[in-house]
Each structure stands twice: as C-alpha cells, then as structure tokens.
Amino acid sequence: MQFNNFGLDPRLQQNLQAMGFEHPTPIQSATIPHALEGHDILGSAETGTGKTAAFLLPLLQKLITSPRTRQPRALILVPTRELALQVAEQAAQLSRGLNLRIATIYGGVGSGPQEQALKRGVDVVIATPGRLLDHIGRRNLIFTSLQVFVLDEADRMLDIGFLPDIRRVLKRLANHEDPSVLNDTEEDREQQWKHHRKLDDRSTSRAGVAT
C-alpha cells in the first residue's frame, strides 16, 4: 500500500516524502482509512510505529477540506509537555504549506504567549489537561467549531490519574462528545474507555499492531 491510496491532499503527500515516509506502517494502514471516513477509533501501537502520523494525517486532511474558523477545529490531548512538543513538531512538518495555525498548550511555563496565540485564532490545539482547563476557565478557548478530538497515550493518562480532568474537558466540547481517536491504548484499557465514554463496537473501529 502507498500513501496515495488514501486519497490525501497532494501537499500532505509531498510533506510525507520530504520527511522520508515511503510506505504506511501497519498502524497507519489500519487506522487512516477509517479515520478519513469519520469513524471513532481505538488504536494500539508501540512507540516508533508511526502512530502520531496515523492520527495527524486524517486530522489534517479534514481541516484542509473544511472552512477555517477562529476557534479550534481539532484538539489533541496528551499527558505531558514533552509529548505535546513532539506531536507539535510532527504536525508542523506534515502541515508545511497548508497555512494551518497550531498552538501548543502545557504547564510549567507562562500562560501569556499561549493566551495570545489562542486569541489570534488557531486550527489545532495540542494540550495537556491541566493547562487546557486553565485556559477554558479563563474563556480563552471555546469548542463550538471542533471537528476532531484525539486522546494520545490514553492508557498513560489513566495511569497517572487524568480521567477526572479528561471528563471535565469532554463536558466543555460543544458538539463532539466522543473522541475520534484514542491512540496508544492498550487492549486491557479499551473496556475502561468504552465504559467511560459509552463507545460501542457499532461505531468504533479498532486497530492494533502486535509486537
């Protein structure tokens, strides 16, 4: 299989080539077609298998083909500052030339520059739960235009006790109650997420890569 089999925008394909991606990895082949069709996905893959691009590519494709708004159209929730920066770096590489605005929101630094970026308008927010809730509380963010919601390393979020914060975030999402992608989720976590988010097998595509 080739990336052009997915029907991605030519600019995305060009960026993939510039980054050295030649063929989709198993997790990308398993998830991207379903994500492009708008399915909710529970994905499981080890680090280094291309899982970040597996959710970024359909996310970016959706944003390219929909009208821009001042409010975020995509939210990626991650457990740590380090992961937020890693995801943001890959998002910037994949979206080169697409004129998309990406904001990275995390704690441990001043909130002023983040607030200014949000007020200018963003397409994608990559955030840790605590700092995201801070900005929501200050009315720096509303999600009336949200189209895609990703939970990256969802199993790790459960392990470190982020479930209450995630529930608070989900309550603020205007028109998108369920995550579009749960990435990095181990099999023994899947039933927990289905229980908490009321996901069911009829509307959820599962994808995993054996190691």
N, C-alpha and C. Protein backbone atom coordinates (compact mmCIF):
# COMPACT_ATOMS: atom_id res chain seq x y z
N MET A 1 0.84 -1.20 0.00
CA MET A 1 0.00 0.00 0.00
C MET A 1 0.88 1.25 0.00
N GLN A 2 0.39 2.28 -0.68
CA GLN A 2 1.09 3.56 -0.74
C GLN A 2 0.22 4.63 -0.08
N PHE A 3 0.85 5.73 0.32
CA PHE A 3 0.09 6.82 0.92
C PHE A 3 -0.92 7.41 -0.06
N ASN A 4 -0.60 7.37 -1.36
CA ASN A 4 -1.55 7.94 -2.32
C ASN A 4 -2.82 7.11 -2.44
N ASN A 5 -2.82 5.89 -1.91
CA ASN A 5 -4.04 5.09 -1.89
C ASN A 5 -5.10 5.66 -0.95
N PHE A 6 -4.68 6.51 -0.01
CA PHE A 6 -5.62 7.08 0.96
C PHE A 6 -6.38 8.29 0.41
N GLY A 7 -5.97 8.81 -0.74
CA GLY A 7 -6.63 9.99 -1.28
C GLY A 7 -6.29 11.27 -0.52
N LEU A 8 -5.09 11.32 0.04
CA LEU A 8 -4.67 12.51 0.78
C LEU A 8 -4.36 13.66 -0.16
N ASP A 9 -4.50 14.88 0.36
CA ASP A 9 -4.15 16.07 -0.38
C ASP A 9 -2.70 15.96 -0.89
N PRO A 10 -2.44 16.37 -2.13
CA PRO A 10 -1.08 16.27 -2.68
C PRO A 10 -0.02 16.95 -1.82
N ARG A 11 -0.40 18.03 -1.14
CA ARG A 11 0.57 18.72 -0.28
C ARG A 11 0.96 17.86 0.91
N LEU A 12 0.02 17.11 1.45
CA LEU A 12 0.34 16.18 2.52
C LEU A 12 1.28 15.09 2.02
N GLN A 13 1.01 14.58 0.85
CA GLN A 13 1.87 13.55 0.28
C GLN A 13 3.28 14.08 0.03
N GLN A 14 3.35 15.31 -0.42
CA GLN A 14 4.67 15.92 -0.64
C GLN A 14 5.42 16.07 0.67
N ASN A 15 4.73 16.47 1.72
CA ASN A 15 5.37 16.61 3.03
C ASN A 15 5.81 15.25 3.57
N LEU A 16 5.03 14.24 3.33
CA LEU A 16 5.42 12.89 3.75
C LEU A 16 6.72 12.47 3.07
N GLN A 17 6.82 12.73 1.79
CA GLN A 17 8.03 12.38 1.05
C GLN A 17 9.23 13.16 1.59
N ALA A 18 9.03 14.43 1.89
CA ALA A 18 10.12 15.25 2.42
C ALA A 18 10.59 14.75 3.78
N MET A 19 9.68 14.12 4.54
CA MET A 19 10.02 13.59 5.86
C MET A 19 10.59 12.17 5.78
N GLY A 20 10.61 11.60 4.60
CA GLY A 20 11.18 10.27 4.43
C GLY A 20 10.21 9.13 4.60
N PHE A 21 8.90 9.44 4.65
CA PHE A 21 7.89 8.37 4.76
C PHE A 21 7.63 7.82 3.36
N GLU A 22 7.89 6.53 3.17
CA GLU A 22 7.71 5.92 1.86
C GLU A 22 6.45 5.07 1.79
N HIS A 23 6.21 4.27 2.82
CA HIS A 23 5.05 3.39 2.84
C HIS A 23 4.36 3.50 4.20
N PRO A 24 3.04 3.37 4.26
CA PRO A 24 2.34 3.40 5.54
C PRO A 24 2.77 2.24 6.42
N THR A 25 2.89 2.49 7.71
CA THR A 25 3.16 1.43 8.66
C THR A 25 1.86 0.68 8.94
N PRO A 26 1.92 -0.49 9.59
CA PRO A 26 0.68 -1.23 9.86
C PRO A 26 -0.38 -0.42 10.62
N ILE A 27 0.02 0.36 11.63
CA ILE A 27 -0.98 1.13 12.37
C ILE A 27 -1.58 2.22 11.50
N GLN A 28 -0.79 2.79 10.59
CA GLN A 28 -1.31 3.80 9.68
C GLN A 28 -2.28 3.18 8.67
N SER A 29 -1.92 2.03 8.13
CA SER A 29 -2.81 1.35 7.19
C SER A 29 -4.12 0.94 7.84
N ALA A 30 -4.03 0.57 9.12
CA ALA A 30 -5.23 0.09 9.83
C ALA A 30 -6.16 1.21 10.25
N THR A 31 -5.62 2.41 10.53
CA THR A 31 -6.45 3.47 11.10
C THR A 31 -6.84 4.58 10.13
N ILE A 32 -5.95 4.97 9.24
CA ILE A 32 -6.19 6.14 8.41
C ILE A 32 -7.47 6.02 7.57
N PRO A 33 -7.70 4.89 6.87
CA PRO A 33 -8.94 4.81 6.08
C PRO A 33 -10.20 4.99 6.93
N HIS A 34 -10.23 4.40 8.12
CA HIS A 34 -11.41 4.53 8.99
C HIS A 34 -11.56 5.96 9.50
N ALA A 35 -10.43 6.59 9.86
CA ALA A 35 -10.49 7.96 10.35
C ALA A 35 -10.97 8.91 9.26
N LEU A 36 -10.53 8.68 8.03
CA LEU A 36 -10.97 9.53 6.93
C LEU A 36 -12.46 9.40 6.67
N GLU A 37 -13.03 8.26 7.04
CA GLU A 37 -14.47 8.05 6.89
C GLU A 37 -15.25 8.60 8.07
N GLY A 38 -14.54 9.11 9.08
CA GLY A 38 -15.21 9.73 10.21
C GLY A 38 -15.53 8.81 11.36
N HIS A 39 -14.94 7.60 11.38
CA HIS A 39 -15.20 6.66 12.46
C HIS A 39 -14.41 7.04 13.72
N ASP A 40 -14.96 6.72 14.88
CA ASP A 40 -14.18 6.76 16.11
C ASP A 40 -13.24 5.57 16.11
N ILE A 41 -12.03 5.74 16.66
CA ILE A 41 -11.02 4.70 16.57
C ILE A 41 -10.37 4.48 17.92
N LEU A 42 -10.17 3.21 18.26
CA LEU A 42 -9.34 2.81 19.39
C LEU A 42 -8.08 2.19 18.79
N GLY A 43 -6.95 2.85 18.92
CA GLY A 43 -5.73 2.36 18.30
C GLY A 43 -4.69 1.96 19.32
N SER A 44 -3.99 0.89 19.03
CA SER A 44 -2.94 0.41 19.93
C SER A 44 -1.68 0.13 19.13
N ALA A 45 -0.57 0.78 19.51
CA ALA A 45 0.70 0.56 18.82
C ALA A 45 1.84 1.01 19.70
N GLU A 46 2.99 0.41 19.50
CA GLU A 46 4.16 0.77 20.27
C GLU A 46 4.77 2.07 19.75
N THR A 47 5.59 2.70 20.58
CA THR A 47 6.33 3.88 20.16
C THR A 47 7.24 3.53 18.98
N GLY A 48 7.30 4.44 18.01
CA GLY A 48 8.16 4.22 16.86
C GLY A 48 7.48 3.52 15.70
N THR A 49 6.16 3.31 15.79
CA THR A 49 5.44 2.61 14.73
C THR A 49 4.65 3.56 13.83
N GLY A 50 4.83 4.87 14.03
CA GLY A 50 4.13 5.82 13.18
C GLY A 50 2.74 6.17 13.67
N LYS A 51 2.49 5.97 14.96
CA LYS A 51 1.14 6.21 15.47
C LYS A 51 0.76 7.68 15.45
N THR A 52 1.73 8.60 15.64
CA THR A 52 1.38 10.02 15.63
C THR A 52 0.89 10.44 14.24
N ALA A 53 1.60 10.05 13.21
CA ALA A 53 1.15 10.36 11.85
C ALA A 53 -0.17 9.67 11.54
N ALA A 54 -0.44 8.55 12.19
CA ALA A 54 -1.68 7.82 11.94
C ALA A 54 -2.90 8.65 12.31
N PHE A 55 -2.79 9.50 13.34
CA PHE A 55 -3.94 10.35 13.63
C PHE A 55 -3.78 11.75 13.05
N LEU A 56 -2.54 12.21 12.84
CA LEU A 56 -2.35 13.55 12.30
C LEU A 56 -2.77 13.65 10.82
N LEU A 57 -2.48 12.64 10.04
CA LEU A 57 -2.79 12.72 8.61
C LEU A 57 -4.29 12.88 8.34
N PRO A 58 -5.15 12.01 8.89
CA PRO A 58 -6.59 12.24 8.65
C PRO A 58 -7.10 13.52 9.29
N LEU A 59 -6.51 13.91 10.42
CA LEU A 59 -6.90 15.16 11.06
C LEU A 59 -6.61 16.34 10.14
N LEU A 60 -5.40 16.40 9.60
CA LEU A 60 -5.02 17.50 8.71
C LEU A 60 -5.83 17.47 7.42
N GLN A 61 -6.09 16.28 6.90
CA GLN A 61 -6.89 16.17 5.68
C GLN A 61 -8.28 16.75 5.91
N LYS A 62 -8.86 16.49 7.06
CA LYS A 62 -10.19 17.02 7.36
C LYS A 62 -10.16 18.55 7.45
N LEU A 63 -9.12 19.10 8.08
CA LEU A 63 -9.05 20.54 8.22
C LEU A 63 -8.84 21.24 6.87
N ILE A 64 -8.08 20.61 6.00
CA ILE A 64 -7.84 21.18 4.67
C ILE A 64 -9.15 21.34 3.91
N THR A 65 -10.05 20.40 4.11
CA THR A 65 -11.27 20.35 3.30
C THR A 65 -12.48 20.99 3.99
N SER A 66 -12.26 21.70 5.08
CA SER A 66 -13.36 22.35 5.79
C SER A 66 -13.04 23.82 5.99
N PRO A 67 -14.07 24.66 6.13
CA PRO A 67 -13.85 26.11 6.27
C PRO A 67 -13.10 26.45 7.55
N ARG A 68 -12.24 27.46 7.47
CA ARG A 68 -11.49 27.92 8.65
C ARG A 68 -12.40 28.74 9.55
N THR A 69 -12.18 28.62 10.86
CA THR A 69 -12.87 29.44 11.85
C THR A 69 -11.82 30.02 12.80
N ARG A 70 -12.24 30.95 13.65
CA ARG A 70 -11.30 31.49 14.64
C ARG A 70 -11.08 30.50 15.78
N GLN A 71 -12.06 29.64 16.00
CA GLN A 71 -11.97 28.68 17.10
C GLN A 71 -11.32 27.38 16.64
N PRO A 72 -10.72 26.62 17.58
CA PRO A 72 -10.06 25.37 17.20
C PRO A 72 -11.00 24.39 16.53
N ARG A 73 -10.48 23.76 15.48
CA ARG A 73 -11.24 22.70 14.80
C ARG A 73 -10.74 21.32 15.18
N ALA A 74 -9.59 21.26 15.85
CA ALA A 74 -9.04 19.97 16.29
C ALA A 74 -8.36 20.15 17.65
N LEU A 75 -8.57 19.19 18.52
CA LEU A 75 -7.95 19.18 19.84
C LEU A 75 -7.25 17.85 20.04
N ILE A 76 -5.96 17.91 20.38
CA ILE A 76 -5.18 16.71 20.70
C ILE A 76 -4.77 16.82 22.15
N LEU A 77 -5.24 15.90 22.97
CA LEU A 77 -4.94 15.91 24.39
C LEU A 77 -3.84 14.90 24.68
N VAL A 78 -2.79 15.34 25.36
CA VAL A 78 -1.63 14.50 25.64
C VAL A 78 -1.30 14.57 27.13
N PRO A 79 -0.59 13.58 27.68
CA PRO A 79 -0.34 13.57 29.12
C PRO A 79 0.80 14.46 29.59
N THR A 80 1.76 14.80 28.71
CA THR A 80 2.95 15.51 29.18
C THR A 80 3.37 16.63 28.23
N ARG A 81 4.13 17.56 28.77
CA ARG A 81 4.69 18.64 27.97
C ARG A 81 5.58 18.09 26.87
N GLU A 82 6.39 17.11 27.20
CA GLU A 82 7.33 16.55 26.22
C GLU A 82 6.58 15.96 25.03
N LEU A 83 5.51 15.24 25.30
CA LEU A 83 4.75 14.66 24.20
C LEU A 83 4.05 15.74 23.40
N ALA A 84 3.56 16.79 24.07
CA ALA A 84 2.93 17.90 23.35
C ALA A 84 3.89 18.51 22.35
N LEU A 85 5.14 18.70 22.76
CA LEU A 85 6.14 19.29 21.86
C LEU A 85 6.48 18.34 20.71
N GLN A 86 6.55 17.04 20.99
CA GLN A 86 6.83 16.06 19.94
C GLN A 86 5.72 16.03 18.90
N VAL A 87 4.48 16.00 19.36
CA VAL A 87 3.34 15.98 18.44
C VAL A 87 3.30 17.27 17.63
N ALA A 88 3.55 18.39 18.29
CA ALA A 88 3.52 19.68 17.60
C ALA A 88 4.59 19.75 16.51
N GLU A 89 5.76 19.20 16.79
CA GLU A 89 6.83 19.21 15.79
C GLU A 89 6.43 18.42 14.55
N GLN A 90 5.85 17.24 14.76
CA GLN A 90 5.45 16.44 13.61
C GLN A 90 4.27 17.07 12.88
N ALA A 91 3.36 17.68 13.63
CA ALA A 91 2.23 18.37 13.00
C ALA A 91 2.72 19.52 12.13
N ALA A 92 3.72 20.26 12.61
CA ALA A 92 4.27 21.37 11.84
C ALA A 92 4.92 20.87 10.55
N GLN A 93 5.61 19.73 10.62
CA GLN A 93 6.26 19.18 9.43
C GLN A 93 5.23 18.70 8.41
N LEU A 94 4.22 18.00 8.90
CA LEU A 94 3.21 17.46 7.99
C LEU A 94 2.32 18.54 7.39
N SER A 95 2.16 19.66 8.10
CA SER A 95 1.26 20.71 7.63
C SER A 95 2.00 21.84 6.92
N ARG A 96 3.26 21.64 6.59
CA ARG A 96 4.03 22.68 5.91
C ARG A 96 3.33 23.08 4.61
N GLY A 97 3.12 24.38 4.43
CA GLY A 97 2.48 24.88 3.23
C GLY A 97 0.97 24.84 3.24
N LEU A 98 0.36 24.41 4.35
CA LEU A 98 -1.09 24.30 4.42
C LEU A 98 -1.76 25.49 5.10
N ASN A 99 -0.95 26.40 5.64
CA ASN A 99 -1.49 27.61 6.28
C ASN A 99 -2.42 27.27 7.44
N LEU A 100 -2.04 26.29 8.23
CA LEU A 100 -2.81 25.93 9.42
C LEU A 100 -2.10 26.46 10.66
N ARG A 101 -2.89 26.92 11.62
CA ARG A 101 -2.35 27.51 12.84
C ARG A 101 -2.40 26.48 13.96
N ILE A 102 -1.24 26.21 14.57
CA ILE A 102 -1.13 25.18 15.61
C ILE A 102 -0.64 25.82 16.90
N ALA A 103 -1.35 25.57 17.99
CA ALA A 103 -0.96 26.09 19.30
C ALA A 103 -0.67 24.93 20.24
N THR A 104 0.41 25.05 21.00
CA THR A 104 0.78 24.03 21.97
C THR A 104 0.57 24.60 23.37
N ILE A 105 -0.22 23.91 24.18
CA ILE A 105 -0.64 24.40 25.49
C ILE A 105 -0.21 23.41 26.56
N TYR A 106 0.65 23.85 27.48
CA TYR A 106 1.11 22.98 28.56
C TYR A 106 1.56 23.83 29.73
N GLY A 107 1.68 23.19 30.89
CA GLY A 107 2.06 23.90 32.10
C GLY A 107 3.56 24.01 32.26
N GLY A 108 3.97 24.67 33.35
CA GLY A 108 5.39 24.83 33.63
C GLY A 108 6.01 26.03 32.98
N VAL A 109 5.23 26.76 32.20
CA VAL A 109 5.70 27.99 31.55
C VAL A 109 4.62 29.05 31.70
N GLY A 110 4.95 30.29 31.42
CA GLY A 110 3.96 31.35 31.48
C GLY A 110 2.84 31.14 30.49
N SER A 111 1.63 31.53 30.88
CA SER A 111 0.47 31.32 30.02
C SER A 111 0.23 32.46 29.04
N GLY A 112 0.96 33.59 29.21
CA GLY A 112 0.74 34.75 28.36
C GLY A 112 0.87 34.50 26.88
N PRO A 113 2.00 33.96 26.40
CA PRO A 113 2.14 33.68 24.97
C PRO A 113 1.09 32.70 24.45
N GLN A 114 0.73 31.71 25.28
CA GLN A 114 -0.30 30.77 24.86
C GLN A 114 -1.63 31.48 24.69
N GLU A 115 -1.96 32.35 25.62
CA GLU A 115 -3.22 33.10 25.55
C GLU A 115 -3.26 33.97 24.31
N GLN A 116 -2.14 34.62 23.99
CA GLN A 116 -2.10 35.47 22.81
C GLN A 116 -2.31 34.66 21.53
N ALA A 117 -1.70 33.48 21.47
CA ALA A 117 -1.86 32.62 20.29
C ALA A 117 -3.31 32.19 20.13
N LEU A 118 -3.95 31.84 21.24
CA LEU A 118 -5.34 31.41 21.17
C LEU A 118 -6.25 32.55 20.73
N LYS A 119 -5.98 33.74 21.21
CA LYS A 119 -6.82 34.88 20.84
C LYS A 119 -6.66 35.27 19.38
N ARG A 120 -5.49 34.98 18.80
CA ARG A 120 -5.29 35.27 17.38
C ARG A 120 -6.07 34.30 16.51
N GLY A 121 -6.42 33.16 17.07
CA GLY A 121 -7.14 32.14 16.32
C GLY A 121 -6.23 30.98 15.97
N VAL A 122 -6.70 29.75 16.19
CA VAL A 122 -5.92 28.55 15.91
C VAL A 122 -6.80 27.50 15.26
N ASP A 123 -6.16 26.62 14.51
CA ASP A 123 -6.87 25.48 13.91
C ASP A 123 -6.72 24.22 14.75
N VAL A 124 -5.52 24.02 15.31
CA VAL A 124 -5.22 22.82 16.08
C VAL A 124 -4.65 23.22 17.44
N VAL A 125 -5.20 22.64 18.50
CA VAL A 125 -4.66 22.84 19.84
C VAL A 125 -4.12 21.49 20.32
N ILE A 126 -2.85 21.49 20.73
CA ILE A 126 -2.21 20.31 21.32
C ILE A 126 -1.95 20.67 22.77
N ALA A 127 -2.55 19.94 23.72
CA ALA A 127 -2.57 20.43 25.09
C ALA A 127 -2.49 19.30 26.11
N THR A 128 -1.95 19.66 27.28
CA THR A 128 -2.07 18.81 28.46
C THR A 128 -3.35 19.20 29.19
N PRO A 129 -3.96 18.26 29.93
CA PRO A 129 -5.28 18.53 30.50
C PRO A 129 -5.34 19.72 31.45
N GLY A 130 -4.38 19.82 32.39
CA GLY A 130 -4.45 20.87 33.39
C GLY A 130 -4.40 22.26 32.81
N ARG A 131 -3.42 22.53 31.95
CA ARG A 131 -3.29 23.87 31.37
C ARG A 131 -4.46 24.16 30.42
N LEU A 132 -4.94 23.14 29.73
CA LEU A 132 -6.10 23.34 28.87
C LEU A 132 -7.30 23.81 29.68
N LEU A 133 -7.54 23.17 30.81
CA LEU A 133 -8.66 23.57 31.66
C LEU A 133 -8.48 24.98 32.20
N ASP A 134 -7.23 25.37 32.47
CA ASP A 134 -6.96 26.75 32.90
C ASP A 134 -7.43 27.74 31.83
N HIS A 135 -7.07 27.49 30.60
CA HIS A 135 -7.44 28.40 29.51
C HIS A 135 -8.96 28.38 29.27
N ILE A 136 -9.56 27.21 29.41
CA ILE A 136 -11.02 27.15 29.27
C ILE A 136 -11.67 27.99 30.36
N GLY A 137 -11.16 27.88 31.59
CA GLY A 137 -11.71 28.64 32.70
C GLY A 137 -11.56 30.14 32.51
N ARG A 138 -10.52 30.56 31.80
CA ARG A 138 -10.31 31.99 31.53
C ARG A 138 -11.02 32.44 30.26
N ARG A 139 -11.79 31.55 29.68
CA ARG A 139 -12.55 31.85 28.45
C ARG A 139 -11.63 32.17 27.27
N ASN A 140 -10.45 31.60 27.28
CA ASN A 140 -9.55 31.75 26.13
C ASN A 140 -9.87 30.74 25.03
N LEU A 141 -10.68 29.75 25.37
CA LEU A 141 -10.99 28.68 24.42
C LEU A 141 -12.47 28.32 24.50
N ILE A 142 -13.08 28.18 23.33
CA ILE A 142 -14.38 27.53 23.22
C ILE A 142 -14.29 26.56 22.06
N PHE A 143 -15.18 25.57 22.05
CA PHE A 143 -15.04 24.49 21.07
C PHE A 143 -16.27 24.33 20.20
N THR A 144 -16.89 25.43 19.85
CA THR A 144 -18.09 25.36 19.02
C THR A 144 -17.79 24.89 17.60
N SER A 145 -16.53 24.96 17.18
CA SER A 145 -16.17 24.56 15.81
C SER A 145 -15.38 23.25 15.78
N LEU A 146 -15.32 22.56 16.91
CA LEU A 146 -14.47 21.35 16.98
C LEU A 146 -14.97 20.25 16.06
N GLN A 147 -14.04 19.67 15.30
CA GLN A 147 -14.36 18.58 14.39
C GLN A 147 -13.65 17.29 14.74
N VAL A 148 -12.47 17.38 15.34
CA VAL A 148 -11.68 16.19 15.64
C VAL A 148 -11.12 16.30 17.06
N PHE A 149 -11.27 15.22 17.82
CA PHE A 149 -10.71 15.16 19.17
C PHE A 149 -9.88 13.90 19.29
N VAL A 150 -8.61 14.06 19.68
CA VAL A 150 -7.68 12.95 19.81
C VAL A 150 -7.18 12.85 21.25
N LEU A 151 -7.20 11.66 21.80
CA LEU A 151 -6.53 11.37 23.06
C LEU A 151 -5.29 10.55 22.75
N ASP A 152 -4.12 11.13 22.94
CA ASP A 152 -2.87 10.44 22.65
C ASP A 152 -2.32 9.86 23.96
N GLU A 153 -1.86 8.60 23.89
CA GLU A 153 -1.39 7.88 25.07
C GLU A 153 -2.46 7.85 26.16
N ALA A 154 -3.64 7.42 25.76
CA ALA A 154 -4.77 7.39 26.68
C ALA A 154 -4.53 6.47 27.87
N ASP A 155 -3.81 5.37 27.64
CA ASP A 155 -3.53 4.46 28.76
C ASP A 155 -2.68 5.15 29.82
N ARG A 156 -1.73 5.95 29.38
CA ARG A 156 -0.87 6.67 30.32
C ARG A 156 -1.67 7.71 31.11
N MET A 157 -2.64 8.34 30.45
CA MET A 157 -3.48 9.30 31.15
C MET A 157 -4.26 8.63 32.28
N LEU A 158 -4.74 7.43 32.02
CA LEU A 158 -5.43 6.69 33.07
C LEU A 158 -4.49 6.37 34.22
N ASP A 159 -3.30 5.93 33.87
CA ASP A 159 -2.34 5.51 34.90
C ASP A 159 -1.96 6.65 35.83
N ILE A 160 -1.86 7.88 35.31
CA ILE A 160 -1.40 8.99 36.15
C ILE A 160 -2.56 9.84 36.68
N GLY A 161 -3.78 9.33 36.52
CA GLY A 161 -4.91 9.94 37.19
C GLY A 161 -5.56 11.11 36.49
N PHE A 162 -5.48 11.16 35.16
CA PHE A 162 -6.05 12.28 34.42
C PHE A 162 -7.53 12.11 34.07
N LEU A 163 -8.12 10.97 34.42
CA LEU A 163 -9.50 10.74 34.00
C LEU A 163 -10.46 11.84 34.46
N PRO A 164 -10.40 12.32 35.72
CA PRO A 164 -11.30 13.41 36.11
C PRO A 164 -11.13 14.67 35.24
N ASP A 165 -9.87 15.02 34.92
CA ASP A 165 -9.64 16.18 34.06
C ASP A 165 -10.18 15.94 32.66
N ILE A 166 -10.00 14.73 32.15
CA ILE A 166 -10.49 14.42 30.81
C ILE A 166 -12.01 14.54 30.78
N ARG A 167 -12.67 14.07 31.82
CA ARG A 167 -14.13 14.20 31.89
C ARG A 167 -14.54 15.67 31.88
N ARG A 168 -13.79 16.50 32.59
CA ARG A 168 -14.11 17.93 32.61
C ARG A 168 -13.93 18.55 31.24
N VAL A 169 -12.87 18.13 30.53
CA VAL A 169 -12.66 18.64 29.18
C VAL A 169 -13.81 18.21 28.27
N LEU A 170 -14.19 16.95 28.35
CA LEU A 170 -15.23 16.43 27.46
C LEU A 170 -16.55 17.16 27.66
N LYS A 171 -16.82 17.59 28.87
CA LYS A 171 -18.06 18.31 29.13
C LYS A 171 -18.08 19.67 28.43
N ARG A 172 -16.89 20.21 28.14
CA ARG A 172 -16.80 21.52 27.50
C ARG A 172 -16.81 21.44 25.98
N LEU A 173 -16.74 20.24 25.44
CA LEU A 173 -16.73 20.11 23.99
C LEU A 173 -18.16 20.23 23.48
N ALA A 174 -18.38 21.22 22.66
CA ALA A 174 -19.74 21.59 22.32
C ALA A 174 -20.50 20.52 21.54
N ASN A 175 -19.91 20.02 20.47
CA ASN A 175 -20.65 19.13 19.57
C ASN A 175 -19.91 17.84 19.27
N HIS A 176 -19.04 17.44 20.17
CA HIS A 176 -18.21 16.27 19.86
C HIS A 176 -17.99 15.48 21.15
N GLU A 177 -18.96 14.67 21.52
CA GLU A 177 -18.92 14.03 22.82
C GLU A 177 -17.91 12.90 22.91
N ASP A 178 -17.64 12.22 21.78
CA ASP A 178 -16.76 11.07 21.82
C ASP A 178 -15.46 11.36 21.09
N PRO A 179 -14.33 10.80 21.55
CA PRO A 179 -13.06 11.01 20.87
C PRO A 179 -13.06 10.39 19.48
N SER A 180 -12.42 11.05 18.53
CA SER A 180 -12.27 10.47 17.20
C SER A 180 -11.17 9.42 17.20
N VAL A 181 -10.15 9.62 18.00
CA VAL A 181 -9.04 8.67 18.04
C VAL A 181 -8.58 8.53 19.47
N LEU A 182 -8.47 7.30 19.92
CA LEU A 182 -7.80 7.02 21.19
C LEU A 182 -6.51 6.31 20.82
N ASN A 183 -5.40 7.00 20.93
CA ASN A 183 -4.15 6.46 20.42
C ASN A 183 -3.31 5.91 21.55
N ASP A 184 -2.54 4.87 21.25
CA ASP A 184 -1.63 4.29 22.23
C ASP A 184 -2.37 3.56 23.35
N THR A 185 -3.59 3.12 23.10
CA THR A 185 -4.37 2.49 24.16
C THR A 185 -4.16 0.99 24.16
N GLU A 186 -3.76 0.44 25.30
CA GLU A 186 -3.54 -0.98 25.43
C GLU A 186 -4.88 -1.70 25.44
N GLU A 187 -4.87 -2.98 25.06
CA GLU A 187 -6.10 -3.75 25.00
C GLU A 187 -6.84 -3.79 26.32
N ASP A 188 -6.11 -3.90 27.44
CA ASP A 188 -6.78 -4.00 28.73
C ASP A 188 -7.38 -2.68 29.18
N ARG A 189 -7.10 -1.59 28.44
CA ARG A 189 -7.69 -0.30 28.74
C ARG A 189 -8.95 -0.04 27.92
N GLU A 190 -9.12 -0.79 26.86
CA GLU A 190 -10.19 -0.46 25.91
C GLU A 190 -11.56 -0.48 26.58
N GLN A 191 -11.84 -1.49 27.40
CA GLN A 191 -13.14 -1.56 28.02
C GLN A 191 -13.37 -0.41 29.00
N GLN A 192 -12.28 0.07 29.63
CA GLN A 192 -12.42 1.22 30.52
C GLN A 192 -12.86 2.45 29.74
N TRP A 193 -12.23 2.67 28.58
CA TRP A 193 -12.61 3.85 27.79
C TRP A 193 -14.01 3.71 27.26
N LYS A 194 -14.41 2.53 26.83
CA LYS A 194 -15.76 2.34 26.34
C LYS A 194 -16.77 2.60 27.45
N HIS A 195 -16.42 2.16 28.67
CA HIS A 195 -17.32 2.37 29.80
C HIS A 195 -17.46 3.86 30.10
N HIS A 196 -16.36 4.58 30.11
CA HIS A 196 -16.41 5.98 30.49
C HIS A 196 -16.99 6.85 29.39
N ARG A 197 -16.76 6.51 28.13
CA ARG A 197 -17.23 7.36 27.04
C ARG A 197 -18.42 6.79 26.29
N LYS A 198 -18.90 5.61 26.72
CA LYS A 198 -20.06 4.98 26.10
C LYS A 198 -19.82 4.69 24.62
N LEU A 199 -18.58 4.34 24.30
CA LEU A 199 -18.28 3.91 22.94
C LEU A 199 -18.77 2.48 22.77
N ASP A 200 -19.19 2.11 21.58
CA ASP A 200 -19.60 0.72 21.36
C ASP A 200 -19.04 0.24 20.03
N ASP A 201 -19.06 -1.08 19.84
CA ASP A 201 -18.41 -1.68 18.69
C ASP A 201 -19.10 -1.32 17.38
N ARG A 202 -20.32 -0.83 17.42
CA ARG A 202 -21.01 -0.49 16.18
C ARG A 202 -20.46 0.78 15.56
N SER A 203 -19.95 1.70 16.38
CA SER A 203 -19.49 2.98 15.86
C SER A 203 -17.99 3.18 15.99
N THR A 204 -17.31 2.19 16.54
CA THR A 204 -15.89 2.34 16.84
C THR A 204 -15.07 1.33 16.05
N SER A 205 -14.05 1.82 15.34
CA SER A 205 -13.14 0.95 14.63
C SER A 205 -11.94 0.67 15.53
N ARG A 206 -11.54 -0.59 15.61
CA ARG A 206 -10.40 -0.99 16.41
C ARG A 206 -9.21 -1.24 15.51
N ALA A 207 -8.04 -0.83 15.97
CA ALA A 207 -6.81 -1.07 15.20
C ALA A 207 -5.69 -1.34 16.17
N GLY A 208 -4.96 -2.40 15.94
CA GLY A 208 -3.84 -2.70 16.79
C GLY A 208 -2.71 -3.31 16.01
N VAL A 209 -1.52 -3.22 16.56
CA VAL A 209 -0.33 -3.81 15.93
C VAL A 209 0.32 -4.72 16.93
N ALA A 210 0.43 -5.97 16.61
CA ALA A 210 1.05 -6.94 17.51
C ALA A 210 2.56 -6.72 17.55
N THR A 211 3.15 -6.94 18.73
CA THR A 211 4.60 -6.80 18.86
C THR A 211 5.18 -8.08 19.42
